[in-house]
Amino acid sequence: MNDREKKLAAAVGVIFALWGCYWGWNKYSDWKQTAQKSLTSAQNSLQEAELDKLKAEDAVKQLNEWRNQSLPADPAKAQAQYRGWLVEQLQDARLDVDNVTPRRVTGRSDAYEPVSYQVEATGKLDSVVKFLDTFYRSDLLHKISSLRLTPRDGSSELSVSLSVEALVVDGTERTEGLSEGTSDRLKLASSKEYLDRIVGRNPFAEYKDPPPKLPDRVVTTSQPEPRQPAPKPSFNHAEFATVTGFVSDGDDYQAWVWAKTLEDERLRVKRGDAIEVGEFKGTVVDVFKQELVVETPEGLIAFRLGDTLLEGRIMASAPAGG
């Protein structure tokens, strides 16, 4: 083999070697992409399984709490003791009790048995407010399904008619007495705050808008500056960031937020954590079983399951100028 043939053979060998390397690299890249997709899918499945487990554990914990808040398991005791509790709270609020009679309830469930009463009483508006405050601060599993207040002619008193329902939860171990716990379902801290806001008004008078405030007269000799066009709003990722779950983290709770437009970023936040998504910025004040509370420049904002970071409920506005 002469030099020319040797050079040609060497060139062909190099070409085959390069082609082999290229083919091998493509095979490796395809395998790596497939493996990465499989790993991502497995991680997502594991995360969903962990979330399902935490939700199940939280549901069991919630059921046990409801059983502790239940009326006694014996229906006769439940009816008698709950009626006695109702009468006591009505009288403590200075309402004159006319009648407390059992009501027939439809829609029974295997998970609970309802106990219902129709209450007829008379009293002043402040007594009604005090009773409602006491009713909703109790952690009993009960609710007022209807309430009717009718002014009495020639008197400052009201005729009060209300329907209440309470639950006996299946599996409760309570045999005697009612739960004496306190609920945090009310926004204001005391009955006095509700009295100050409600009793000073006349809820039976037609509401009239206040007269419009006249603008202050301003005299100026200078030419007004031309109005600048409003800047075009930027895309806000907070509009697509959704609260997807609340899970127990030992003694505290975590809130899970899914920022869909930020490469599917999933945030897990708890009390004291900073949270920033798009134009939304704040610090987590607390996380409850079904609520996330965040302090923002606009004030305290509460979020529930399914809310985006633009759909929260303002609990308290930030001070002016703060």
C-alpha atoms as a PDB file:
ATOM      1  CA  MET A   1       0.000   0.000   0.000  1.00  0.00           C
ATOM      2  CA  ASN A   2       1.525   3.292  -1.104  1.00  0.00           C
ATOM      3  CA  ASP A   3       1.395   6.569   0.832  1.00  0.00           C
ATOM      4  CA  ARG A   4      -1.670   7.815  -1.001  1.00  0.00           C
ATOM      5  CA  GLU A   5      -3.649   4.705  -0.202  1.00  0.00           C
ATOM      6  CA  LYS A   6      -2.533   4.883   3.419  1.00  0.00           C
ATOM      7  CA  LYS A   7      -3.705   8.499   3.688  1.00  0.00           C
ATOM      8  CA  LEU A   8      -7.040   7.619   2.056  1.00  0.00           C
ATOM      9  CA  ALA A   9      -7.533   4.673   4.440  1.00  0.00           C
ATOM     10  CA  ALA A  10      -6.707   6.894   7.406  1.00  0.00           C
ATOM     11  CA  ALA A  11      -9.196   9.537   6.226  1.00  0.00           C
ATOM     12  CA  VAL A  12     -11.936   6.926   5.829  1.00  0.00           C
ATOM     13  CA  GLY A  13     -11.128   5.611   9.315  1.00  0.00           C
ATOM     14  CA  VAL A  14     -11.458   9.105  10.803  1.00  0.00           C
ATOM     15  CA  ILE A  15     -14.786   9.626   9.039  1.00  0.00           C
ATOM     16  CA  PHE A  16     -16.146   6.330  10.424  1.00  0.00           C
ATOM     17  CA  ALA A  17     -14.850   7.207  13.882  1.00  0.00           C
ATOM     18  CA  LEU A  18     -16.553  10.634  13.787  1.00  0.00           C
ATOM     19  CA  TRP A  19     -19.796   9.093  12.531  1.00  0.00           C
ATOM     20  CA  GLY A  20     -19.638   6.496  15.324  1.00  0.00           C
ATOM     21  CA  CYS A  21     -19.123   9.217  17.933  1.00  0.00           C
ATOM     22  CA  TYR A  22     -22.039  11.239  16.498  1.00  0.00           C
ATOM     23  CA  TRP A  23     -24.321   8.191  16.499  1.00  0.00           C
ATOM     24  CA  GLY A  24     -23.293   7.290  20.057  1.00  0.00           C
ATOM     25  CA  TRP A  25     -23.852  10.855  21.278  1.00  0.00           C
ATOM     26  CA  ASN A  26     -27.366  10.926  19.790  1.00  0.00           C
ATOM     27  CA  LYS A  27     -28.190   7.634  21.475  1.00  0.00           C
ATOM     28  CA  TYR A  28     -26.892   8.950  24.785  1.00  0.00           C
ATOM     29  CA  SER A  29     -28.857  12.227  24.449  1.00  0.00           C
ATOM     30  CA  ASP A  30     -32.074  10.350  23.669  1.00  0.00           C
ATOM     31  CA  TRP A  31     -31.541   8.063  26.662  1.00  0.00           C
ATOM     32  CA  LYS A  32     -30.792  11.006  28.947  1.00  0.00           C
ATOM     33  CA  GLN A  33     -33.938  12.892  27.889  1.00  0.00           C
ATOM     34  CA  THR A  34     -36.071   9.788  28.397  1.00  0.00           C
ATOM     35  CA  ALA A  35     -34.537   9.160  31.824  1.00  0.00           C
ATOM     36  CA  GLN A  36     -35.039  12.803  32.851  1.00  0.00           C
ATOM     37  CA  LYS A  37     -38.712  12.672  31.828  1.00  0.00           C
ATOM     38  CA  SER A  38     -39.192   9.441  33.761  1.00  0.00           C
ATOM     39  CA  LEU A  39     -37.502  10.952  36.831  1.00  0.00           C
ATOM     40  CA  THR A  40     -39.666  14.094  36.657  1.00  0.00           C
ATOM     41  CA  SER A  41     -42.818  12.002  36.279  1.00  0.00           C
ATOM     42  CA  ALA A  42     -41.841   9.831  39.252  1.00  0.00           C
ATOM     43  CA  GLN A  43     -41.094  12.906  41.386  1.00  0.00           C
ATOM     44  CA  ASN A  44     -44.485  14.427  40.497  1.00  0.00           C
ATOM     45  CA  SER A  45     -46.253  11.163  41.321  1.00  0.00           C
ATOM     46  CA  LEU A  46     -44.412  10.959  44.651  1.00  0.00           C
ATOM     47  CA  GLN A  47     -45.331  14.545  45.493  1.00  0.00           C
ATOM     48  CA  GLU A  48     -48.993  13.898  44.686  1.00  0.00           C
ATOM     49  CA  ALA A  49     -48.926  10.720  46.808  1.00  0.00           C
ATOM     50  CA  GLU A  50     -47.385  12.652  49.707  1.00  0.00           C
ATOM     51  CA  LEU A  51     -50.058  15.335  49.345  1.00  0.00           C
ATOM     52  CA  ASP A  52     -52.832  12.702  49.316  1.00  0.00           C
ATOM     53  CA  LYS A  53     -51.342  11.132  52.442  1.00  0.00           C
ATOM     54  CA  LEU A  54     -51.138  14.462  54.240  1.00  0.00           C
ATOM     55  CA  LYS A  55     -54.704  15.302  53.227  1.00  0.00           C
ATOM     56  CA  ALA A  56     -55.909  11.942  54.529  1.00  0.00           C
ATOM     57  CA  GLU A  57     -54.072  12.454  57.833  1.00  0.00           C
ATOM     58  CA  ASP A  58     -55.518  15.955  58.094  1.00  0.00           C
ATOM     59  CA  ALA A  59     -59.020  14.610  57.368  1.00  0.00           C
ATOM     60  CA  VAL A  60     -58.689  12.021  60.162  1.00  0.00           C
ATOM     61  CA  LYS A  61     -57.469  14.735  62.531  1.00  0.00           C
ATOM     62  CA  GLN A  62     -60.408  16.949  61.540  1.00  0.00           C
ATOM     63  CA  LEU A  63     -62.896  14.109  62.098  1.00  0.00           C
ATOM     64  CA  ASN A  64     -61.511  13.495  65.592  1.00  0.00           C
ATOM     65  CA  GLU A  65     -61.875  17.212  66.366  1.00  0.00           C
ATOM     66  CA  TRP A  66     -65.500  17.130  65.176  1.00  0.00           C
ATOM     67  CA  ARG A  67     -66.158  14.109  67.382  1.00  0.00           C
ATOM     68  CA  ASN A  68     -64.777  16.042  70.358  1.00  0.00           C
ATOM     69  CA  GLN A  69     -67.081  18.966  69.518  1.00  0.00           C
ATOM     70  CA  SER A  70     -70.123  16.713  69.015  1.00  0.00           C
ATOM     71  CA  LEU A  71     -73.221  16.582  71.197  1.00  0.00           C
ATOM     72  CA  PRO A  72     -73.496  13.445  73.392  1.00  0.00           C
ATOM     73  CA  ALA A  73     -73.919  10.177  71.479  1.00  0.00           C
ATOM     74  CA  ASP A  74     -77.264   9.439  73.181  1.00  0.00           C
ATOM     75  CA  PRO A  75     -79.891  11.369  71.117  1.00  0.00           C
ATOM     76  CA  ALA A  76     -82.125  11.972  74.139  1.00  0.00           C
ATOM     77  CA  LYS A  77     -79.261  13.457  76.163  1.00  0.00           C
ATOM     78  CA  ALA A  78     -78.120  15.471  73.147  1.00  0.00           C
ATOM     79  CA  GLN A  79     -81.569  17.045  72.710  1.00  0.00           C
ATOM     80  CA  ALA A  80     -82.108  17.799  76.402  1.00  0.00           C
ATOM     81  CA  GLN A  81     -78.635  19.187  77.113  1.00  0.00           C
ATOM     82  CA  TYR A  82     -78.468  21.292  73.952  1.00  0.00           C
ATOM     83  CA  ARG A  83     -81.911  22.759  74.658  1.00  0.00           C
ATOM     84  CA  GLY A  84     -80.763  23.624  78.182  1.00  0.00           C
ATOM     85  CA  TRP A  85     -77.641  25.313  76.771  1.00  0.00           C
ATOM     86  CA  LEU A  86     -79.747  27.363  74.333  1.00  0.00           C
ATOM     87  CA  VAL A  87     -82.134  28.568  77.029  1.00  0.00           C
ATOM     88  CA  GLU A  88     -79.225  29.492  79.311  1.00  0.00           C
ATOM     89  CA  GLN A  89     -77.486  31.575  76.619  1.00  0.00           C
ATOM     90  CA  LEU A  90     -80.753  33.320  75.649  1.00  0.00           C
ATOM     91  CA  GLN A  91     -81.430  34.255  79.244  1.00  0.00           C
ATOM     92  CA  ASP A  92     -77.828  35.371  79.883  1.00  0.00           C
ATOM     93  CA  ALA A  93     -78.213  37.759  76.936  1.00  0.00           C
ATOM     94  CA  ARG A  94     -81.402  39.155  78.618  1.00  0.00           C
ATOM     95  CA  LEU A  95     -83.805  37.759  76.033  1.00  0.00           C
ATOM     96  CA  ASP A  96     -87.249  36.659  77.255  1.00  0.00           C
ATOM     97  CA  VAL A  97     -87.703  33.087  76.057  1.00  0.00           C
ATOM     98  CA  ASP A  98     -91.249  32.392  74.828  1.00  0.00           C
ATOM     99  CA  ASN A  99     -90.720  28.912  73.425  1.00  0.00           C
ATOM    100  CA  VAL A 100     -87.995  26.412  72.441  1.00  0.00           C
ATOM    101  CA  THR A 101     -89.512  23.516  70.508  1.00  0.00           C
ATOM    102  CA  PRO A 102     -87.920  20.615  68.587  1.00  0.00           C
ATOM    103  CA  ARG A 103     -87.959  20.794  64.791  1.00  0.00           C
ATOM    104  CA  ARG A 104     -88.132  17.923  62.362  1.00  0.00           C
ATOM    105  CA  VAL A 105     -84.977  17.771  60.235  1.00  0.00           C
ATOM    106  CA  THR A 106     -84.675  16.194  56.790  1.00  0.00           C
ATOM    107  CA  GLY A 107     -81.489  15.047  55.056  1.00  0.00           C
ATOM    108  CA  ARG A 108     -80.048  12.712  57.692  1.00  0.00           C
ATOM    109  CA  SER A 109     -76.614  11.192  57.132  1.00  0.00           C
ATOM    110  CA  ASP A 110     -74.741   8.088  58.262  1.00  0.00           C
ATOM    111  CA  ALA A 111     -71.966  10.405  59.466  1.00  0.00           C
ATOM    112  CA  TYR A 112     -74.065  12.504  61.849  1.00  0.00           C
ATOM    113  CA  GLU A 113     -77.525  13.008  63.349  1.00  0.00           C
ATOM    114  CA  PRO A 114     -78.916  16.565  63.501  1.00  0.00           C
ATOM    115  CA  VAL A 115     -80.729  18.064  66.484  1.00  0.00           C
ATOM    116  CA  SER A 116     -82.860  21.123  65.689  1.00  0.00           C
ATOM    117  CA  TYR A 117     -84.959  23.642  67.628  1.00  0.00           C
ATOM    118  CA  GLN A 118     -87.257  26.543  66.811  1.00  0.00           C
ATOM    119  CA  VAL A 119     -86.738  29.448  69.223  1.00  0.00           C
ATOM    120  CA  GLU A 120     -89.226  32.265  69.890  1.00  0.00           C
ATOM    121  CA  ALA A 121     -88.099  35.130  72.156  1.00  0.00           C
ATOM    122  CA  THR A 122     -88.375  38.871  72.715  1.00  0.00           C
ATOM    123  CA  GLY A 123     -85.762  41.461  73.625  1.00  0.00           C
ATOM    124  CA  LYS A 124     -83.718  44.439  72.497  1.00  0.00           C
ATOM    125  CA  LEU A 125     -81.268  44.519  69.625  1.00  0.00           C
ATOM    126  CA  ASP A 126     -78.215  44.559  71.911  1.00  0.00           C
ATOM    127  CA  SER A 127     -79.468  41.348  73.572  1.00  0.00           C
ATOM    128  CA  VAL A 128     -79.780  39.698  70.156  1.00  0.00           C
ATOM    129  CA  VAL A 129     -76.205  40.745  69.276  1.00  0.00           C
ATOM    130  CA  LYS A 130     -74.879  39.367  72.593  1.00  0.00           C
ATOM    131  CA  PHE A 131     -76.630  36.028  72.041  1.00  0.00           C
ATOM    132  CA  LEU A 132     -75.330  35.703  68.481  1.00  0.00           C
ATOM    133  CA  ASP A 133     -71.784  36.503  69.649  1.00  0.00           C
ATOM    134  CA  THR A 134     -71.976  33.801  72.340  1.00  0.00           C
ATOM    135  CA  PHE A 135     -73.522  31.309  69.892  1.00  0.00           C
ATOM    136  CA  TYR A 136     -70.781  31.680  67.297  1.00  0.00           C
ATOM    137  CA  ARG A 137     -67.895  31.828  69.790  1.00  0.00           C
ATOM    138  CA  SER A 138     -68.853  28.350  71.012  1.00  0.00           C
ATOM    139  CA  ASP A 139     -67.059  25.524  69.165  1.00  0.00           C
ATOM    140  CA  LEU A 140     -70.171  23.329  69.175  1.00  0.00           C
ATOM    141  CA  LEU A 141     -71.068  21.946  65.748  1.00  0.00           C
ATOM    142  CA  HIS A 142     -74.153  24.081  65.327  1.00  0.00           C
ATOM    143  CA  LYS A 143     -75.550  26.800  63.103  1.00  0.00           C
ATOM    144  CA  ILE A 144     -78.470  29.214  62.804  1.00  0.00           C
ATOM    145  CA  SER A 145     -80.353  28.205  59.673  1.00  0.00           C
ATOM    146  CA  SER A 146     -82.835  31.115  59.802  1.00  0.00           C
ATOM    147  CA  LEU A 147     -83.281  34.317  61.811  1.00  0.00           C
ATOM    148  CA  ARG A 148     -86.200  36.767  61.720  1.00  0.00           C
ATOM    149  CA  LEU A 149     -86.327  40.016  63.710  1.00  0.00           C
ATOM    150  CA  THR A 150     -89.610  41.942  63.837  1.00  0.00           C
ATOM    151  CA  PRO A 151     -89.998  45.338  65.577  1.00  0.00           C
ATOM    152  CA  ARG A 152     -92.823  45.399  68.112  1.00  0.00           C
ATOM    153  CA  ASP A 153     -95.278  48.331  67.789  1.00  0.00           C
ATOM    154  CA  GLY A 154     -94.766  51.058  70.361  1.00  0.00           C
ATOM    155  CA  SER A 155     -91.707  49.365  71.862  1.00  0.00           C
ATOM    156  CA  SER A 156     -87.933  49.244  71.444  1.00  0.00           C
ATOM    157  CA  GLU A 157     -88.068  45.448  71.690  1.00  0.00           C
ATOM    158  CA  LEU A 158     -87.980  42.903  68.880  1.00  0.00           C
ATOM    159  CA  SER A 159     -89.752  39.625  68.284  1.00  0.00           C
ATOM    160  CA  VAL A 160     -87.005  37.079  67.638  1.00  0.00           C
ATOM    161  CA  SER A 161     -87.617  33.863  65.696  1.00  0.00           C
ATOM    162  CA  LEU A 162     -84.713  31.606  64.839  1.00  0.00           C
ATOM    163  CA  SER A 163     -84.038  28.014  63.797  1.00  0.00           C
ATOM    164  CA  VAL A 164     -80.898  26.259  65.028  1.00  0.00           C
ATOM    165  CA  GLU A 165     -79.275  22.935  64.197  1.00  0.00           C
ATOM    166  CA  ALA A 166     -76.557  20.995  66.060  1.00  0.00           C
ATOM    167  CA  LEU A 167     -74.870  17.672  65.271  1.00  0.00           C
ATOM    168  CA  VAL A 168     -74.247  14.351  66.933  1.00  0.00           C
ATOM    169  CA  VAL A 169     -71.219  12.999  65.026  1.00  0.00           C
ATOM    170  CA  ASP A 170     -71.069   9.257  64.453  1.00  0.00           C
ATOM    171  CA  GLY A 171     -68.298   7.660  66.515  1.00  0.00           C
ATOM    172  CA  THR A 172     -68.155  10.358  69.206  1.00  0.00           C
ATOM    173  CA  GLU A 173     -67.089   9.121  72.649  1.00  0.00           C
ATOM    174  CA  ARG A 174     -68.902  11.947  74.440  1.00  0.00           C
ATOM    175  CA  THR A 175     -71.477  10.510  76.839  1.00  0.00           C
ATOM    176  CA  GLU A 176     -72.303  13.578  78.922  1.00  0.00           C
ATOM    177  CA  GLY A 177     -72.099  17.362  78.716  1.00  0.00           C
ATOM    178  CA  LEU A 178     -71.283  19.737  75.876  1.00  0.00           C
ATOM    179  CA  SER A 179     -67.982  20.993  74.520  1.00  0.00           C
ATOM    180  CA  GLU A 180     -66.791  24.172  76.251  1.00  0.00           C
ATOM    181  CA  GLY A 181     -64.206  25.137  73.651  1.00  0.00           C
ATOM    182  CA  THR A 182     -64.006  28.491  71.877  1.00  0.00           C
ATOM    183  CA  SER A 183     -64.285  28.976  68.132  1.00  0.00           C
ATOM    184  CA  ASP A 184     -62.252  31.491  66.107  1.00  0.00           C
ATOM    185  CA  ARG A 185     -64.870  31.843  63.364  1.00  0.00           C
ATOM    186  CA  LEU A 186     -65.729  35.480  64.290  1.00  0.00           C
ATOM    187  CA  LYS A 187     -63.622  38.304  62.873  1.00  0.00           C
ATOM    188  CA  LEU A 188     -63.962  40.774  65.762  1.00  0.00           C
ATOM    189  CA  ALA A 189     -62.440  40.016  69.153  1.00  0.00           C
ATOM    190  CA  SER A 190     -65.394  40.758  71.443  1.00  0.00           C
ATOM    191  CA  SER A 191     -69.152  41.291  71.581  1.00  0.00           C
ATOM    192  CA  LYS A 192     -68.517  44.944  72.510  1.00  0.00           C
ATOM    193  CA  GLU A 193     -67.014  45.593  69.084  1.00  0.00           C
ATOM    194  CA  TYR A 194     -70.119  44.144  67.413  1.00  0.00           C
ATOM    195  CA  LEU A 195     -72.380  46.149  69.721  1.00  0.00           C
ATOM    196  CA  ASP A 196     -70.537  49.369  68.811  1.00  0.00           C
ATOM    197  CA  ARG A 197     -70.957  48.650  65.090  1.00  0.00           C
ATOM    198  CA  ILE A 198     -74.545  47.360  65.065  1.00  0.00           C
ATOM    199  CA  VAL A 199     -76.599  48.796  67.921  1.00  0.00           C
ATOM    200  CA  GLY A 200     -75.862  52.426  66.997  1.00  0.00           C
ATOM    201  CA  ARG A 201     -77.648  51.904  63.664  1.00  0.00           C
ATOM    202  CA  ASN A 202     -81.287  51.337  62.833  1.00  0.00           C
ATOM    203  CA  PRO A 203     -81.338  48.104  60.785  1.00  0.00           C
ATOM    204  CA  PHE A 204     -85.040  48.559  59.996  1.00  0.00           C
ATOM    205  CA  ALA A 205     -84.719  52.010  58.413  1.00  0.00           C
ATOM    206  CA  GLU A 206     -84.112  52.491  54.698  1.00  0.00           C
ATOM    207  CA  TYR A 207     -80.473  53.154  53.930  1.00  0.00           C
ATOM    208  CA  LYS A 208     -79.687  56.519  52.401  1.00  0.00           C
ATOM    209  CA  ASP A 209     -76.397  57.410  50.755  1.00  0.00           C
ATOM    210  CA  PRO A 210     -74.510  60.255  52.446  1.00  0.00           C
ATOM    211  CA  PRO A 211     -74.518  63.564  50.529  1.00  0.00           C
ATOM    212  CA  PRO A 212     -71.655  63.856  48.059  1.00  0.00           C
ATOM    213  CA  LYS A 213     -68.624  65.750  49.285  1.00  0.00           C
ATOM    214  CA  LEU A 214     -68.046  68.945  47.317  1.00  0.00           C
ATOM    215  CA  PRO A 215     -64.534  69.298  45.934  1.00  0.00           C
ATOM    216  CA  ASP A 216     -62.344  72.041  47.358  1.00  0.00           C
ATOM    217  CA  ARG A 217     -62.159  75.060  45.110  1.00  0.00           C
ATOM    218  CA  VAL A 218     -58.643  75.554  43.799  1.00  0.00           C
ATOM    219  CA  VAL A 219     -57.551  78.736  42.033  1.00  0.00           C
ATOM    220  CA  THR A 220     -54.401  78.547  39.962  1.00  0.00           C
ATOM    221  CA  THR A 221     -52.847  80.745  37.326  1.00  0.00           C
ATOM    222  CA  SER A 222     -50.339  78.241  36.040  1.00  0.00           C
ATOM    223  CA  GLN A 223     -50.981  76.015  33.077  1.00  0.00           C
ATOM    224  CA  PRO A 224     -51.727  72.391  34.027  1.00  0.00           C
ATOM    225  CA  GLU A 225     -49.112  69.906  33.008  1.00  0.00           C
ATOM    226  CA  PRO A 226     -50.128  67.677  30.115  1.00  0.00           C
ATOM    227  CA  ARG A 227     -51.561  64.383  31.265  1.00  0.00           C
ATOM    228  CA  GLN A 228     -49.161  61.515  30.745  1.00  0.00           C
ATOM    229  CA  PRO A 229     -50.570  58.282  29.328  1.00  0.00           C
ATOM    230  CA  ALA A 230     -50.852  55.503  31.882  1.00  0.00           C
ATOM    231  CA  PRO A 231     -48.070  52.935  31.592  1.00  0.00           C
ATOM    232  CA  LYS A 232     -49.031  49.695  29.985  1.00  0.00           C
ATOM    233  CA  PRO A 233     -49.599  47.115  32.729  1.00  0.00           C
ATOM    234  CA  SER A 234     -47.050  44.322  32.851  1.00  0.00           C
ATOM    235  CA  PHE A 235     -47.923  40.637  33.081  1.00  0.00           C
ATOM    236  CA  ASN A 236     -48.604  39.694  36.711  1.00  0.00           C
ATOM    237  CA  HIS A 237     -47.754  36.085  37.601  1.00  0.00           C
ATOM    238  CA  ALA A 238     -49.712  36.433  40.872  1.00  0.00           C
ATOM    239  CA  GLU A 239     -52.929  36.286  38.830  1.00  0.00           C
ATOM    240  CA  PHE A 240     -52.137  32.648  38.014  1.00  0.00           C
ATOM    241  CA  ALA A 241     -50.675  31.594  41.390  1.00  0.00           C
ATOM    242  CA  THR A 242     -53.281  29.442  43.186  1.00  0.00           C
ATOM    243  CA  VAL A 243     -53.546  28.164  46.763  1.00  0.00           C
ATOM    244  CA  THR A 244     -53.758  24.383  46.253  1.00  0.00           C
ATOM    245  CA  GLY A 245     -53.670  22.903  49.752  1.00  0.00           C
ATOM    246  CA  PHE A 246     -53.170  23.179  53.500  1.00  0.00           C
ATOM    247  CA  VAL A 247     -51.186  20.438  55.214  1.00  0.00           C
ATOM    248  CA  SER A 248     -50.151  19.790  58.803  1.00  0.00           C
ATOM    249  CA  ASP A 249     -46.477  20.259  59.598  1.00  0.00           C
ATOM    250  CA  GLY A 250     -46.304  19.002  63.170  1.00  0.00           C
ATOM    251  CA  ASP A 251     -47.868  21.655  65.380  1.00  0.00           C
ATOM    252  CA  ASP A 252     -48.204  24.148  62.510  1.00  0.00           C
ATOM    253  CA  TYR A 253     -49.683  24.160  59.026  1.00  0.00           C
ATOM    254  CA  GLN A 254     -48.164  24.731  55.599  1.00  0.00           C
ATOM    255  CA  ALA A 255     -49.903  26.365  52.650  1.00  0.00           C
ATOM    256  CA  TRP A 256     -49.079  25.159  49.121  1.00  0.00           C
ATOM    257  CA  VAL A 257     -49.147  27.714  46.298  1.00  0.00           C
ATOM    258  CA  TRP A 258     -48.840  26.706  42.657  1.00  0.00           C
ATOM    259  CA  ALA A 259     -47.393  29.440  40.413  1.00  0.00           C
ATOM    260  CA  LYS A 260     -48.450  28.011  37.069  1.00  0.00           C
ATOM    261  CA  THR A 261     -46.737  30.601  34.840  1.00  0.00           C
ATOM    262  CA  LEU A 262     -43.348  30.390  36.575  1.00  0.00           C
ATOM    263  CA  GLU A 263     -42.254  27.013  35.190  1.00  0.00           C
ATOM    264  CA  ASP A 264     -44.851  25.312  37.417  1.00  0.00           C
ATOM    265  CA  GLU A 265     -43.160  26.644  40.589  1.00  0.00           C
ATOM    266  CA  ARG A 266     -44.729  25.125  43.717  1.00  0.00           C
ATOM    267  CA  LEU A 267     -44.287  27.067  46.949  1.00  0.00           C
ATOM    268  CA  ARG A 268     -44.648  25.636  50.460  1.00  0.00           C
ATOM    269  CA  VAL A 269     -44.946  28.461  52.985  1.00  0.00           C
ATOM    270  CA  LYS A 270     -45.532  28.649  56.728  1.00  0.00           C
ATOM    271  CA  ARG A 271     -45.659  31.302  59.420  1.00  0.00           C
ATOM    272  CA  GLY A 272     -42.857  33.890  59.000  1.00  0.00           C
ATOM    273  CA  ASP A 273     -41.967  32.968  55.392  1.00  0.00           C
ATOM    274  CA  ALA A 274     -41.653  35.673  52.750  1.00  0.00           C
ATOM    275  CA  ILE A 275     -43.727  35.112  49.623  1.00  0.00           C
ATOM    276  CA  GLU A 276     -43.167  36.900  46.311  1.00  0.00           C
ATOM    277  CA  VAL A 277     -44.882  35.988  43.052  1.00  0.00           C
ATOM    278  CA  GLY A 278     -45.055  38.536  40.265  1.00  0.00           C
ATOM    279  CA  GLU A 279     -46.235  41.850  41.733  1.00  0.00           C
ATOM    280  CA  PHE A 280     -47.476  40.166  44.931  1.00  0.00           C
ATOM    281  CA  LYS A 281     -45.152  40.553  47.934  1.00  0.00           C
ATOM    282  CA  GLY A 282     -45.795  39.786  51.573  1.00  0.00           C
ATOM    283  CA  THR A 283     -44.939  37.851  54.710  1.00  0.00           C
ATOM    284  CA  VAL A 284     -46.957  34.886  55.986  1.00  0.00           C
ATOM    285  CA  VAL A 285     -48.556  35.856  59.317  1.00  0.00           C
ATOM    286  CA  ASP A 286     -50.207  32.481  59.945  1.00  0.00           C
ATOM    287  CA  VAL A 287     -51.512  29.336  58.252  1.00  0.00           C
ATOM    288  CA  PHE A 288     -54.691  27.693  59.541  1.00  0.00           C
ATOM    289  CA  LYS A 289     -56.440  24.485  58.497  1.00  0.00           C
ATOM    290  CA  GLN A 290     -58.314  26.260  55.697  1.00  0.00           C
ATOM    291  CA  GLU A 291     -56.805  29.735  55.483  1.00  0.00           C
ATOM    292  CA  LEU A 292     -53.530  31.497  54.640  1.00  0.00           C
ATOM    293  CA  VAL A 293     -53.004  34.979  56.140  1.00  0.00           C
ATOM    294  CA  VAL A 294     -50.369  37.236  54.544  1.00  0.00           C
ATOM    295  CA  GLU A 295     -49.230  40.726  55.571  1.00  0.00           C
ATOM    296  CA  THR A 296     -48.824  42.924  52.488  1.00  0.00           C
ATOM    297  CA  PRO A 297     -48.316  46.656  51.908  1.00  0.00           C
ATOM    298  CA  GLU A 298     -52.114  46.854  51.405  1.00  0.00           C
ATOM    299  CA  GLY A 299     -52.818  45.175  54.780  1.00  0.00           C
ATOM    300  CA  LEU A 300     -53.647  41.683  56.059  1.00  0.00           C
ATOM    301  CA  ILE A 301     -55.098  39.451  53.331  1.00  0.00           C
ATOM    302  CA  ALA A 302     -56.663  36.007  53.859  1.00  0.00           C
ATOM    303  CA  PHE A 303     -56.691  33.295  51.171  1.00  0.00           C
ATOM    304  CA  ARG A 304     -58.686  30.067  51.036  1.00  0.00           C
ATOM    305  CA  LEU A 305     -58.346  26.918  48.934  1.00  0.00           C
ATOM    306  CA  GLY A 306     -58.598  27.733  45.218  1.00  0.00           C
ATOM    307  CA  ASP A 307     -57.923  31.493  45.584  1.00  0.00           C
ATOM    308  CA  THR A 308     -55.302  33.148  43.418  1.00  0.00           C
ATOM    309  CA  LEU A 309     -52.976  35.677  45.028  1.00  0.00           C
ATOM    310  CA  LEU A 310     -55.215  38.430  43.604  1.00  0.00           C
ATOM    311  CA  GLU A 311     -58.439  37.025  45.078  1.00  0.00           C
ATOM    312  CA  GLY A 312     -57.790  37.202  48.817  1.00  0.00           C
ATOM    313  CA  ARG A 313     -60.091  38.837  51.365  1.00  0.00           C
ATOM    314  CA  ILE A 314     -58.715  41.980  53.041  1.00  0.00           C
ATOM    315  CA  MET A 315     -58.951  41.458  56.820  1.00  0.00           C
ATOM    316  CA  ALA A 316     -57.363  44.759  57.825  1.00  0.00           C
ATOM    317  CA  SER A 317     -56.126  47.601  55.626  1.00  0.00           C
ATOM    318  CA  ALA A 318     -52.675  49.097  56.054  1.00  0.00           C
ATOM    319  CA  PRO A 319     -52.597  52.435  57.948  1.00  0.00           C
ATOM    320  CA  ALA A 320     -52.739  55.518  55.717  1.00  0.00           C
ATOM    321  CA  GLY A 321     -49.259  56.728  54.896  1.00  0.00           C
ATOM    322  CA  GLY A 322     -47.718  53.498  56.295  1.00  0.00           C
END
